[in-house]
Protein backbone atom coordinates (compact mmCIF):
# COMPACT_ATOMS: atom_id res chain seq x y z
CA MET A 1 112.21 116.44 154.21
CA ALA A 2 108.60 115.31 154.09
CA PRO A 3 107.70 111.66 153.55
CA GLY A 4 107.07 110.50 149.98
CA GLY A 5 104.47 112.59 148.17
CA LYS A 6 101.88 111.41 145.73
CA ILE A 7 103.40 113.05 142.65
CA ASN A 8 104.37 110.42 140.05
CA ARG A 9 103.31 107.61 142.36
CA PRO A 10 102.01 104.54 140.49
CA LYS A 11 98.24 104.05 140.58
CA THR A 12 96.86 101.41 142.89
CA GLU A 13 94.59 98.67 141.55
CA LEU A 14 91.56 100.37 143.07
CA GLY A 15 92.52 103.70 141.49
CA LYS A 16 92.97 102.06 138.08
CA ASN A 17 89.62 100.34 138.33
CA LEU A 18 87.81 103.53 139.34
CA PHE A 19 89.30 105.48 136.43
CA LYS A 20 88.41 102.70 134.00
CA ARG A 21 84.88 102.46 135.40
CA ARG A 22 84.32 106.20 135.05
CA ARG A 23 85.70 106.17 131.51
CA VAL A 24 83.50 103.24 130.45
CA LEU A 25 80.38 104.71 132.05
CA THR A 26 80.81 108.08 130.35
CA LYS A 27 81.35 106.33 127.01
CA GLN A 28 78.15 104.32 127.43
CA LYS A 29 76.25 107.41 128.51
CA ARG A 30 77.38 109.33 125.42
CA LYS A 31 76.43 106.42 123.19
CA LYS A 32 73.01 106.09 124.79
CA HIS A 33 72.11 109.79 124.73
CA ARG A 34 73.45 110.54 121.29
CA ILE A 35 71.69 113.49 119.67
CA VAL A 36 72.41 113.65 115.98
CA GLY A 37 73.05 117.20 114.86
CA ALA A 38 71.50 118.71 111.77
CA VAL A 39 73.44 118.75 108.53
CA VAL A 40 72.81 121.82 106.41
CA ASP A 41 73.90 121.86 102.73
CA GLU A 42 74.61 118.15 102.51
CA GLY A 43 75.82 118.42 98.91
CA LEU A 44 78.49 120.97 99.85
CA ILE A 45 80.02 119.24 102.87
CA THR A 46 83.81 118.96 102.49
CA LYS A 47 86.02 116.13 103.70
CA HIS A 48 87.10 118.27 106.66
CA HIS A 49 83.49 118.64 107.76
CA LEU A 50 82.90 114.91 107.31
CA LYS A 51 85.90 114.26 109.55
CA LYS A 52 84.45 116.62 112.16
CA ARG A 53 81.17 114.76 111.84
CA SER A 54 82.81 111.38 112.49
CA THR A 55 84.65 112.59 115.60
CA SER A 56 81.65 114.34 117.12
CA SER A 57 78.34 113.10 115.78
CA ARG A 58 76.38 115.43 118.05
CA ALA A 59 77.90 118.57 116.55
CA ASN A 60 75.83 120.76 114.27
CA VAL A 61 77.88 120.78 111.10
CA THR A 62 77.09 123.95 109.22
CA LEU A 63 79.02 125.92 106.67
CA SER A 64 79.56 129.62 107.06
CA GLY A 65 78.07 131.82 104.34
CA LYS A 66 81.52 132.68 103.01
CA LYS A 67 82.64 129.04 102.75
CA ARG A 68 79.29 128.06 101.22
CA ARG A 69 79.57 130.72 98.50
CA LYS A 70 83.17 129.75 97.77
CA LEU A 71 82.25 126.08 97.40
CA LEU A 72 79.29 126.89 95.14
CA LYS A 73 81.50 129.11 92.98
CA GLN A 74 84.16 126.38 92.84
CA LEU A 75 81.59 123.82 91.70
CA ARG A 76 80.25 126.19 89.03
CA HIS A 77 83.77 126.81 87.69
CA MET A 78 84.51 123.08 87.61
CA GLU A 79 81.32 122.37 85.66
CA LYS A 80 82.03 125.24 83.26
CA GLU A 81 85.59 124.02 82.70
CA LYS A 82 84.39 120.46 82.12
CA ALA A 83 81.82 121.68 79.59
CA GLY A 84 84.50 123.74 77.84
CA MET A 85 86.82 120.75 77.60
CA GLU A 86 84.08 118.63 76.02
CA VAL A 87 83.46 121.32 73.40
CA GLU A 88 87.19 121.61 72.59
CA GLU A 89 87.66 117.87 72.06
CA ALA A 90 85.05 117.57 69.29
CA PRO A 91 86.32 120.06 66.62
CA LYS A 92 89.99 119.05 66.91
CA LYS A 93 91.46 118.37 63.44
CA LYS A 94 94.95 117.22 62.47
CA GLN A 95 97.06 119.54 60.34
CA THR A 96 98.07 118.32 56.91
CA PRO A 97 101.79 117.72 56.28
CA ALA A 98 101.82 120.46 53.62
CA ALA A 99 100.72 123.08 56.12
CA LYS A 100 103.48 122.05 58.52
CA LYS A 101 106.16 122.44 55.84
CA LYS A 102 104.95 125.92 54.94
CA GLU A 103 105.16 127.01 58.59
CA LYS A 104 108.74 125.80 58.89
CA LYS A 105 109.88 127.59 55.73
CA SER A 106 108.35 130.90 56.71
CA GLY A 107 110.13 130.86 60.09
CA GLY A 108 113.64 131.03 58.55
CA ASP A 109 116.71 132.82 59.89
CA GLU A 110 116.36 136.54 60.22
CA ASP A 111 119.18 138.99 60.83
CA MET A 112 118.87 141.16 63.89
CA MET A 113 119.88 144.81 63.73
CA ASP A 114 122.59 145.91 66.14
CA MET A 115 121.49 148.77 68.35
CA GLU A 116 124.63 150.76 69.12
C-alpha cells in the first residue's frame, strides 16, 4: 500500500491561513467594486425579488413581462375588491323583528311526494 494520502487530512496552519486570506480578500474586493444593478418596476417588486436583491446587490432585478402583468392584475383586483367592500358597508341595514317572524312562518313543514 502507498503511504498516507492527502484525502481527509487535516489542514495545516499555513493552509488554513491561506484559505482565510483568500476568502477575506475576495470579500473586500466584492465590497469595494460593488456595482448596484438597476431596479425596474420598483412598485411591483415582490418579497422574493427583495430577497434576491439582498443576497446579490449587483444583480439586475427585473420582472418578466408575464409576472409584471400578473402582479398589475392582482393589484387592480385587490383595489376593486376593497372599493366594493367599502360600498357594501355603507347601505347595510338591520332587519326588523317583524320581518324575521314572517320569514320563519313561511318556511314551515312541507310534505314531500314519494316517487315510486
